Amino acid sequence: MLALLHGNQLAGHQAVVVGAAVSGVAAARLLAALGASVRLLDRNPEALDETCRADLASRGVRLVLGPHKAEYFQGAQIVVLSPGVPLAKMAPYLAACPDAQVLSELELASWFVSEPILALTGTNGKTTTVSLIGHILESAGRKVFVGGNIGTPLSEHVLSGQPGDVVVLEVSSFQLQNVHSFHPKVGVLLNFSANHLDFHADLEEYLQAKLKLFARMNDKDLAVLPLEMKDELQGRGFTKARRVYFTPTERFPDNFLPGGHNKGNMEAAWLACKAFGVSEDQARAAVATFKPLAHRLEPLGEKGGMLFVDDSKATTVTAMRAAIESFDRPVRLLAGGVFKGGDLEGLIPLVKAKVAQVGLFGANREIFEGAWTGVVPMFWEPTLEGAVTRLYLDGNPGDVILLSPATASFDLYAGYKERGQDFARIVAGLPEDREARQ
């Protein structure tokens, strides 16, 4: 792969990378390897540790921390916006370099990828399904890179110089808003529902960003799409790729992935892998050995006859719905945090049928209370620990205590992983026997 990279390809070019998180740092490293003069900007004056700062300096990357200034963008031919940096908010600064290419790290890195790309987007279940796809392909003997919005940025793969048979990427709407030539061989839209409405102007803008994944595909490529969206998508000329629609099936009865939604995810994964020569028998054997990822309907074990399940990754209402639907036993639901939009009232029939109690914690209690007061017994605690403890005290053997909050975690935690880890800590500290709870 490094044969595609030459140290003088961008010699004499000025590049600016906005955002010094994982993908921004990776983009800066790649641009420096291409010979560009690179300026990496971040508003946080404490961004990056000393080791990372020293590494960037050794590559000739200039790190500029603090408020952005138009002068930092002057003369730039390339501007890379990290995921979550809205293009509209950068307009005053981009005016200083009107001729610059504005792109995402995903777009930049894709220029130097020689392997076929399998890219997946959607609102919920992306990481689990991308990991499953990687597992199926590897089990079938393919050498696979799995990354993008999950784990390792594509730029780091390019810099590694270790090509494989297939590049499997999870891609977000944030990344896709600034792609122009990104071209997967197989593209998957897993599902679509309200999310990130604190970033996107509306649902249409969010959907348009997702569909950019397919824009450069041709009739030799494959688009794997949800059957429930067929009517919506048929009227859109968003791709020239051949389309195949999937729906949940019983094709993979032996699996560790609970819930009807995962039946659809497994079917989408199989159809995507089939395009790379994987047989149904190979896929079935691989699915049977794939274990759920952390914080995604992850069983933590039982105490007092109650099952504790960590679904902290469920940051949307749709993900919460899928989690609740996964259980045939009474659910005591933990919810609350930074609400990103969605129809909580639309969950009322499901909540009435399956949820015995709701324990709210953290921010935005008023949104949940406004939707569900009088529908289900509900209380609020300022912390997750307080809510878990109360649900455990109120619960009965056979119940599920489910952390599936339908929100981002940033009111109380640095991310969903930290929220899930704290849930596991709290569960571990609960007494084992029922009487000791009183």
Protein backbone atom coordinates (compact mmCIF):
# COMPACT_ATOMS: atom_id res chain seq x y z
CA MET A 1 0.00 0.00 0.00
CA LEU A 2 2.88 2.36 0.72
CA ALA A 3 3.65 2.16 -2.99
CA LEU A 4 0.74 4.56 -3.38
CA LEU A 5 2.41 7.03 -1.03
CA HIS A 6 5.28 9.29 -1.97
CA GLY A 7 6.87 11.80 0.35
CA ASN A 8 6.75 14.56 -2.23
CA GLN A 9 3.16 14.15 -3.42
CA LEU A 10 2.00 17.17 -1.45
CA ALA A 11 5.31 18.96 -1.15
CA GLY A 12 4.76 22.71 -1.15
CA HIS A 13 1.12 22.32 -0.07
CA GLN A 14 -0.30 23.77 3.12
CA ALA A 15 -2.80 21.52 4.94
CA VAL A 16 -4.92 22.36 7.97
CA VAL A 17 -6.56 19.67 10.11
CA VAL A 18 -9.31 20.81 12.49
CA GLY A 19 -9.73 18.62 15.57
CA ALA A 20 -6.97 16.74 17.37
CA ALA A 21 -8.87 13.59 18.29
CA VAL A 22 -7.95 10.17 16.90
CA SER A 23 -8.93 10.76 13.26
CA GLY A 24 -7.49 14.28 13.19
CA VAL A 25 -4.12 13.11 14.46
CA ALA A 26 -4.15 10.26 11.91
CA ALA A 27 -4.94 12.68 9.08
CA ALA A 28 -2.11 15.00 10.18
CA ARG A 29 0.34 12.09 10.17
CA LEU A 30 -0.75 11.01 6.70
CA LEU A 31 -0.53 14.52 5.27
CA ALA A 32 2.94 14.92 6.74
CA ALA A 33 4.00 11.60 5.18
CA LEU A 34 2.84 13.00 1.83
CA GLY A 35 5.13 16.00 2.22
CA ALA A 36 2.58 18.66 3.13
CA SER A 37 3.17 21.43 5.61
CA VAL A 38 0.59 20.54 8.27
CA ARG A 39 -1.10 22.66 10.91
CA LEU A 40 -3.27 20.73 13.43
CA LEU A 41 -5.82 22.87 15.27
CA ASP A 42 -7.87 22.16 18.38
CA ARG A 43 -9.79 24.55 20.61
CA ASN A 44 -8.85 22.57 23.71
CA PRO A 45 -5.58 23.96 25.11
CA GLU A 46 -4.92 20.61 26.82
CA ALA A 47 -5.53 18.42 23.77
CA LEU A 48 -3.11 15.48 23.36
CA ASP A 49 -0.55 14.12 25.78
CA GLU A 50 3.15 14.88 25.63
CA THR A 51 3.99 11.66 23.82
CA CYS A 52 1.56 12.42 20.99
CA ARG A 53 2.73 16.03 20.81
CA ALA A 54 6.33 14.91 20.51
CA ASP A 55 5.45 12.40 17.79
CA LEU A 56 3.64 15.05 15.75
CA ALA A 57 6.50 17.51 16.17
CA SER A 58 8.97 14.86 14.93
CA ARG A 59 6.88 14.59 11.77
CA GLY A 60 6.90 18.35 11.25
CA VAL A 61 3.26 18.86 12.26
CA ARG A 62 2.60 22.21 13.92
CA LEU A 63 0.07 21.91 16.76
CA VAL A 64 -2.00 25.06 17.41
CA LEU A 65 -4.24 24.94 20.47
CA GLY A 66 -6.89 27.40 21.57
CA PRO A 67 -9.51 29.48 19.71
CA HIS A 68 -9.46 29.25 15.93
CA LYS A 69 -8.32 32.27 13.93
CA ALA A 70 -8.77 32.97 10.24
CA GLU A 71 -5.03 33.48 9.86
CA TYR A 72 -4.42 29.80 10.69
CA PHE A 73 -6.25 28.86 7.46
CA GLN A 74 -4.63 31.34 5.09
CA GLY A 75 -2.86 29.70 2.17
CA ALA A 76 -4.28 26.23 2.84
CA GLN A 77 -4.93 24.00 -0.17
CA ILE A 78 -6.42 21.19 1.93
CA VAL A 79 -8.60 21.44 5.05
CA VAL A 80 -9.55 18.25 6.87
CA LEU A 81 -12.50 18.57 9.24
CA SER A 82 -12.67 15.97 11.98
CA PRO A 83 -16.01 14.20 12.63
CA GLY A 84 -18.29 16.41 14.67
CA VAL A 85 -16.86 19.68 13.33
CA PRO A 86 -19.79 21.28 11.45
CA LEU A 87 -18.87 22.71 8.07
CA ALA A 88 -21.27 25.64 8.55
CA LYS A 89 -19.55 26.78 11.74
CA MET A 90 -16.18 26.81 9.99
CA ALA A 91 -17.33 29.18 7.24
CA PRO A 92 -15.78 32.33 8.77
CA TYR A 93 -12.38 30.63 8.87
CA LEU A 94 -12.64 28.86 5.51
CA ALA A 95 -13.21 32.25 3.89
CA ALA A 96 -9.46 32.75 4.38
CA CYS A 97 -8.74 29.84 2.00
CA PRO A 98 -11.61 29.91 -0.54
CA ASP A 99 -9.89 27.55 -3.00
CA ALA A 100 -9.04 24.84 -0.47
CA GLN A 101 -10.41 21.29 -0.74
CA VAL A 102 -12.50 20.65 2.39
CA LEU A 103 -12.73 16.98 3.19
CA SER A 104 -12.88 14.35 5.91
CA GLU A 105 -10.09 12.04 7.08
CA LEU A 106 -12.05 9.18 5.51
CA GLU A 107 -11.98 10.88 2.09
CA LEU A 108 -8.28 11.71 2.33
CA ALA A 109 -7.22 8.21 3.33
CA SER A 110 -9.43 6.53 0.73
CA TRP A 111 -7.31 8.07 -2.03
CA PHE A 112 -4.49 5.72 -1.06
CA VAL A 113 -6.38 2.46 -0.49
CA SER A 114 -5.69 -0.28 -3.01
CA GLU A 115 -7.97 -2.97 -1.52
CA PRO A 116 -11.73 -3.19 -2.16
CA ILE A 117 -13.74 -1.35 0.50
CA LEU A 118 -16.82 -2.63 2.32
CA ALA A 119 -18.37 0.35 4.10
CA LEU A 120 -21.35 0.34 6.45
CA THR A 121 -23.40 3.17 7.90
CA GLY A 122 -26.70 3.45 9.77
CA THR A 123 -28.15 4.78 12.98
CA ASN A 124 -27.92 1.74 15.25
CA GLY A 125 -25.95 -1.49 15.36
CA LYS A 126 -23.09 -0.31 13.13
CA THR A 127 -20.20 -1.41 15.31
CA THR A 128 -21.63 -4.84 16.09
CA THR A 129 -22.40 -5.51 12.42
CA VAL A 130 -19.06 -4.22 11.14
CA SER A 131 -17.28 -6.39 13.71
CA LEU A 132 -19.41 -9.36 12.64
CA ILE A 133 -18.55 -8.74 8.97
CA GLY A 134 -14.85 -8.66 9.84
CA HIS A 135 -15.24 -11.89 11.81
CA ILE A 136 -17.05 -13.66 8.95
CA LEU A 137 -14.47 -12.58 6.36
CA GLU A 138 -11.54 -13.56 8.57
CA SER A 139 -13.14 -16.91 9.36
CA ALA A 140 -13.44 -17.47 5.61
CA GLY A 141 -9.70 -16.89 5.20
CA ARG A 142 -9.62 -13.27 4.13
CA LYS A 143 -7.05 -10.81 5.47
CA VAL A 144 -9.15 -7.92 6.74
CA PHE A 145 -8.68 -4.44 8.14
CA VAL A 146 -11.62 -3.31 10.31
CA GLY A 147 -11.70 0.34 11.27
CA GLY A 148 -12.94 3.80 10.37
CA ASN A 149 -15.40 5.11 12.93
CA ILE A 150 -14.63 2.01 15.01
CA GLY A 151 -11.13 1.71 16.42
CA THR A 152 -8.35 2.58 13.97
CA PRO A 153 -8.74 5.44 11.47
CA LEU A 154 -8.28 4.55 7.82
CA SER A 155 -5.26 6.88 7.62
CA GLU A 156 -3.39 4.71 10.11
CA HIS A 157 -4.10 1.65 7.97
CA VAL A 158 -2.72 3.45 4.92
CA LEU A 159 0.42 4.42 6.84
CA SER A 160 0.92 0.87 8.12
CA GLY A 161 1.83 -0.38 4.65
CA GLN A 162 0.10 -3.71 5.37
CA PRO A 163 -2.49 -4.33 2.66
CA GLY A 164 -5.09 -7.05 2.99
CA ASP A 165 -7.90 -8.55 0.96
CA VAL A 166 -10.75 -6.30 2.17
CA VAL A 167 -11.02 -3.01 4.06
CA VAL A 168 -14.13 -3.02 6.27
CA LEU A 169 -15.21 0.39 7.54
CA GLU A 170 -17.82 1.75 9.88
CA VAL A 171 -18.63 5.25 8.67
CA SER A 172 -20.68 7.96 10.34
CA SER A 173 -22.81 10.76 8.94
CA PHE A 174 -20.19 13.18 10.28
CA GLN A 175 -17.48 11.56 8.14
CA LEU A 176 -19.69 11.26 5.08
CA GLN A 177 -20.69 14.92 4.95
CA ASN A 178 -17.23 15.78 3.66
CA VAL A 179 -16.53 12.95 1.21
CA HIS A 180 -16.39 13.57 -2.53
CA SER A 181 -14.83 10.54 -4.26
CA PHE A 182 -15.15 7.81 -1.61
CA HIS A 183 -16.02 4.60 -3.49
CA PRO A 184 -16.80 1.31 -1.71
CA LYS A 185 -17.23 -1.95 -3.64
CA VAL A 186 -20.00 -2.86 -1.18
CA GLY A 187 -22.00 -0.28 0.76
CA VAL A 188 -24.45 -1.11 3.54
CA LEU A 189 -27.17 1.10 5.02
CA LEU A 190 -28.15 -0.84 8.12
CA ASN A 191 -31.10 1.28 9.27
CA PHE A 192 -32.16 4.88 9.70
CA SER A 193 -33.94 6.78 12.46
CA ALA A 194 -33.75 10.12 14.28
CA ASN A 195 -30.30 10.80 15.70
CA HIS A 196 -27.73 13.57 15.89
CA LEU A 197 -30.40 16.23 15.48
CA ASP A 198 -28.21 18.34 17.75
CA PHE A 199 -25.74 18.38 14.82
CA HIS A 200 -27.77 17.96 11.62
CA ALA A 201 -30.31 20.59 10.63
CA ASP A 202 -33.07 18.00 10.22
CA LEU A 203 -33.75 14.36 9.36
CA GLU A 204 -33.40 14.99 5.63
CA GLU A 205 -29.89 16.39 6.01
CA TYR A 206 -29.00 13.41 8.20
CA LEU A 207 -30.30 10.95 5.59
CA GLN A 208 -28.55 12.78 2.75
CA ALA A 209 -25.27 12.48 4.65
CA LYS A 210 -25.79 8.72 5.08
CA LEU A 211 -26.59 8.25 1.39
CA LYS A 212 -23.35 9.93 0.32
CA LEU A 213 -21.73 6.58 1.04
CA PHE A 214 -23.29 5.27 -2.20
CA ALA A 215 -22.86 8.32 -4.44
CA ARG A 216 -19.71 7.20 -6.29
CA MET A 217 -20.63 3.53 -6.62
CA ASN A 218 -21.33 2.07 -10.08
CA ASP A 219 -23.27 -0.83 -11.57
CA LYS A 220 -20.46 -3.28 -10.69
CA ASP A 221 -20.87 -2.44 -6.98
CA LEU A 222 -23.46 -3.62 -4.47
CA ALA A 223 -25.69 -1.56 -2.16
CA VAL A 224 -27.21 -3.55 0.73
CA LEU A 225 -30.29 -1.73 2.01
CA PRO A 226 -33.09 -2.30 4.57
CA LEU A 227 -36.32 -3.60 3.06
CA GLU A 228 -38.33 -1.34 5.37
CA MET A 229 -36.85 1.66 3.53
CA LYS A 230 -37.41 0.37 -0.01
CA ASP A 231 -40.29 2.69 -0.82
CA GLU A 232 -38.36 5.68 0.53
CA LEU A 233 -35.16 4.79 -1.31
CA GLN A 234 -36.65 3.72 -4.64
CA GLY A 235 -37.55 7.31 -5.43
CA ARG A 236 -34.03 8.59 -4.78
CA GLY A 237 -31.31 8.49 -7.40
CA PHE A 238 -28.59 8.29 -4.79
CA THR A 239 -26.52 5.50 -6.40
CA LYS A 240 -25.84 3.56 -9.60
CA ALA A 241 -24.95 0.42 -7.64
CA ARG A 242 -26.96 -2.77 -7.85
CA ARG A 243 -29.40 -2.81 -4.94
CA VAL A 244 -30.34 -5.73 -2.71
CA TYR A 245 -32.75 -5.34 0.21
CA PHE A 246 -32.54 -7.30 3.46
CA THR A 247 -34.94 -8.09 6.29
CA PRO A 248 -34.62 -10.21 9.46
CA THR A 249 -34.52 -13.96 8.74
CA GLU A 250 -33.95 -17.24 10.60
CA ARG A 251 -30.87 -17.99 8.49
CA PHE A 252 -28.54 -17.97 11.53
CA PRO A 253 -30.28 -19.80 14.42
CA ASP A 254 -27.02 -20.43 16.31
CA ASN A 255 -25.79 -17.08 17.56
CA PHE A 256 -25.10 -15.01 20.67
CA LEU A 257 -26.84 -11.86 19.41
CA PRO A 258 -30.24 -11.33 21.07
CA GLY A 259 -33.22 -9.55 19.54
CA GLY A 260 -35.05 -9.35 16.24
CA HIS A 261 -32.95 -6.39 15.14
CA ASN A 262 -29.84 -8.56 15.23
CA LYS A 263 -31.49 -11.04 12.86
CA GLY A 264 -31.56 -8.21 10.36
CA ASN A 265 -27.99 -7.22 11.17
CA MET A 266 -26.80 -10.80 10.58
CA GLU A 267 -28.62 -10.95 7.25
CA ALA A 268 -27.07 -7.66 6.11
CA ALA A 269 -23.63 -8.91 7.15
CA TRP A 270 -24.08 -12.14 5.19
CA LEU A 271 -25.20 -10.35 2.01
CA ALA A 272 -22.22 -8.00 2.23
CA CYS A 273 -19.76 -10.87 2.75
CA LYS A 274 -21.36 -12.95 -0.01
CA ALA A 275 -20.13 -10.33 -2.48
CA PHE A 276 -16.57 -11.33 -1.50
CA GLY A 277 -17.10 -15.03 -2.19
CA VAL A 278 -18.11 -16.17 1.30
CA SER A 279 -20.45 -19.17 1.28
CA GLU A 280 -23.56 -19.43 3.42
CA ASP A 281 -22.03 -22.35 5.34
CA GLN A 282 -18.92 -20.30 6.08
CA ALA A 283 -21.05 -17.39 7.27
CA ARG A 284 -23.22 -19.62 9.44
CA ALA A 285 -20.17 -21.17 11.14
CA ALA A 286 -18.65 -17.75 11.78
CA VAL A 287 -21.86 -16.24 13.18
CA ALA A 288 -22.12 -19.14 15.64
CA THR A 289 -18.78 -18.15 17.22
CA PHE A 290 -19.25 -14.37 17.29
CA LYS A 291 -19.78 -12.87 20.75
CA PRO A 292 -21.55 -9.53 21.46
CA LEU A 293 -19.31 -6.52 21.89
CA ALA A 294 -18.98 -4.70 25.19
CA HIS A 295 -21.82 -2.28 26.06
CA ARG A 296 -24.10 -3.63 23.31
CA LEU A 297 -26.76 -5.80 24.95
CA GLU A 298 -23.93 -7.31 26.98
CA PRO A 299 -25.13 -9.62 29.79
CA LEU A 300 -23.25 -8.87 33.01
CA GLY A 301 -24.70 -11.80 34.94
CA GLU A 302 -27.43 -12.31 37.54
CA LYS A 303 -27.90 -11.18 41.11
CA GLY A 304 -30.98 -11.80 43.23
CA GLY A 305 -32.41 -13.74 40.30
CA MET A 306 -32.30 -10.62 38.10
CA LEU A 307 -30.31 -10.36 34.87
CA PHE A 308 -28.23 -7.18 34.41
CA VAL A 309 -27.63 -6.10 30.80
CA ASP A 310 -25.31 -3.31 29.64
CA ASP A 311 -26.58 -1.61 26.49
CA SER A 312 -24.85 1.70 27.17
CA LYS A 313 -24.10 2.07 23.45
CA ALA A 314 -27.86 2.58 22.92
CA THR A 315 -27.76 6.36 22.49
CA THR A 316 -30.97 6.63 20.43
CA VAL A 317 -34.65 5.91 20.94
CA THR A 318 -34.54 3.32 18.17
CA ALA A 319 -31.71 1.46 19.90
CA MET A 320 -33.69 1.51 23.14
CA ARG A 321 -36.70 0.04 21.34
CA ALA A 322 -34.59 -2.79 19.92
CA ALA A 323 -33.17 -3.54 23.36
CA ILE A 324 -36.55 -3.69 25.10
CA GLU A 325 -37.93 -5.90 22.34
CA SER A 326 -35.07 -8.34 22.89
CA PHE A 327 -36.44 -9.67 26.20
CA ASP A 328 -39.40 -11.86 27.06
CA ARG A 329 -39.19 -11.06 30.78
CA PRO A 330 -40.11 -7.91 32.71
CA VAL A 331 -37.71 -5.03 32.04
CA ARG A 332 -36.62 -2.47 34.61
CA LEU A 333 -35.17 0.22 32.40
CA LEU A 334 -32.34 2.69 33.13
CA ALA A 335 -32.62 5.82 30.99
CA GLY A 336 -31.42 9.41 30.91
CA GLY A 337 -28.58 11.62 29.77
CA VAL A 338 -28.06 13.99 26.84
CA PHE A 339 -31.13 13.46 24.63
CA LYS A 340 -30.40 13.69 20.88
CA GLY A 341 -33.94 13.52 19.54
CA GLY A 342 -36.46 10.81 18.76
CA ASP A 343 -40.03 9.77 19.44
CA LEU A 344 -40.34 8.59 23.04
CA GLU A 345 -44.12 8.75 22.87
CA GLY A 346 -43.98 6.25 20.02
CA LEU A 347 -42.56 3.74 22.50
CA ILE A 348 -45.58 3.93 24.81
CA PRO A 349 -47.25 0.68 23.63
CA LEU A 350 -43.97 -1.20 24.01
CA VAL A 351 -43.22 0.35 27.40
CA LYS A 352 -46.70 -0.56 28.64
CA ALA A 353 -46.29 -4.14 27.45
CA LYS A 354 -42.76 -4.89 28.61
CA VAL A 355 -41.38 -2.34 31.08
CA ALA A 356 -42.19 -2.77 34.75
CA GLN A 357 -40.34 0.34 35.94
CA VAL A 358 -38.12 3.14 34.65
CA GLY A 359 -35.19 4.46 36.64
CA LEU A 360 -34.13 7.84 35.26
CA PHE A 361 -30.71 9.29 36.04
CA GLY A 362 -28.70 12.33 35.04
CA ALA A 363 -29.88 14.95 32.57
CA ASN A 364 -33.10 15.43 30.58
CA ARG A 365 -35.44 13.76 33.07
CA GLU A 366 -38.15 16.21 31.98
CA ILE A 367 -38.17 14.78 28.44
CA PHE A 368 -38.76 11.23 29.64
CA GLU A 369 -41.24 12.33 32.30
CA GLY A 370 -43.13 14.41 29.75
CA ALA A 371 -43.49 11.37 27.49
CA TRP A 372 -44.08 8.56 30.00
CA THR A 373 -45.66 9.98 33.16
CA GLY A 374 -48.75 7.90 33.91
CA VAL A 375 -47.59 5.19 31.50
CA VAL A 376 -45.12 3.32 33.70
CA PRO A 377 -43.85 3.61 37.32
CA MET A 378 -40.92 5.97 37.15
CA PHE A 379 -38.45 7.74 39.43
CA TRP A 380 -35.36 9.92 39.04
CA GLU A 381 -31.97 9.81 40.73
CA PRO A 382 -29.10 12.20 40.02
CA THR A 383 -26.63 9.32 39.50
CA LEU A 384 -26.63 5.97 37.74
CA GLU A 385 -25.66 4.25 40.98
CA GLY A 386 -28.69 5.61 42.78
CA ALA A 387 -31.01 4.48 39.98
CA VAL A 388 -29.50 0.98 39.78
CA THR A 389 -29.78 0.53 43.53
CA ARG A 390 -33.44 1.52 43.59
CA LEU A 391 -34.33 -0.78 40.71
CA TYR A 392 -32.55 -3.65 42.42
CA LEU A 393 -34.45 -3.00 45.65
CA ASP A 394 -37.77 -2.90 43.79
CA GLY A 395 -37.10 -5.78 41.42
CA ASN A 396 -38.16 -9.41 41.45
CA PRO A 397 -36.44 -12.63 40.40
CA GLY A 398 -36.82 -13.05 36.65
CA ASP A 399 -36.59 -9.33 35.89
CA VAL A 400 -34.04 -7.73 33.55
CA ILE A 401 -32.33 -4.56 34.76
CA LEU A 402 -31.42 -2.98 31.44
CA LEU A 403 -29.15 0.00 30.88
CA SER A 404 -30.37 1.23 27.49
CA PRO A 405 -30.54 5.00 28.02
CA ALA A 406 -31.42 6.35 24.53
CA THR A 407 -29.05 9.25 25.16
CA ALA A 408 -25.46 10.37 24.92
CA SER A 409 -23.54 10.12 28.16
CA PHE A 410 -21.80 13.48 28.37
CA ASP A 411 -23.80 14.80 31.31
CA LEU A 412 -22.10 12.38 33.69
CA TYR A 413 -19.46 10.48 31.71
CA ALA A 414 -16.75 10.96 29.10
CA GLY A 415 -18.49 8.48 26.80
CA TYR A 416 -20.79 5.48 26.59
CA LYS A 417 -17.90 3.12 27.45
CA GLU A 418 -17.25 4.89 30.74
CA ARG A 419 -21.00 4.80 31.49
CA GLY A 420 -21.09 1.06 30.81
CA GLN A 421 -17.99 0.44 32.90
CA ASP A 422 -19.53 2.31 35.80
CA PHE A 423 -22.69 0.21 35.45
CA ALA A 424 -20.57 -2.95 35.67
CA ARG A 425 -18.83 -1.58 38.77
CA ILE A 426 -22.16 -0.80 40.42
CA VAL A 427 -23.57 -4.23 39.60
CA ALA A 428 -20.47 -5.94 40.98
CA GLY A 429 -20.97 -4.11 44.28
CA LEU A 430 -24.59 -5.16 44.78
CA PRO A 431 -25.30 -7.85 47.40
CA GLU A 432 -26.02 -11.33 46.07
CA ASP A 433 -28.98 -12.42 48.16
CA ARG A 434 -32.44 -10.91 48.02
CA GLU A 435 -32.76 -10.28 51.76
CA ALA A 436 -29.49 -8.32 51.90
CA ARG A 437 -30.96 -5.76 49.51
CA GLN A 438 -33.43 -4.53 52.09
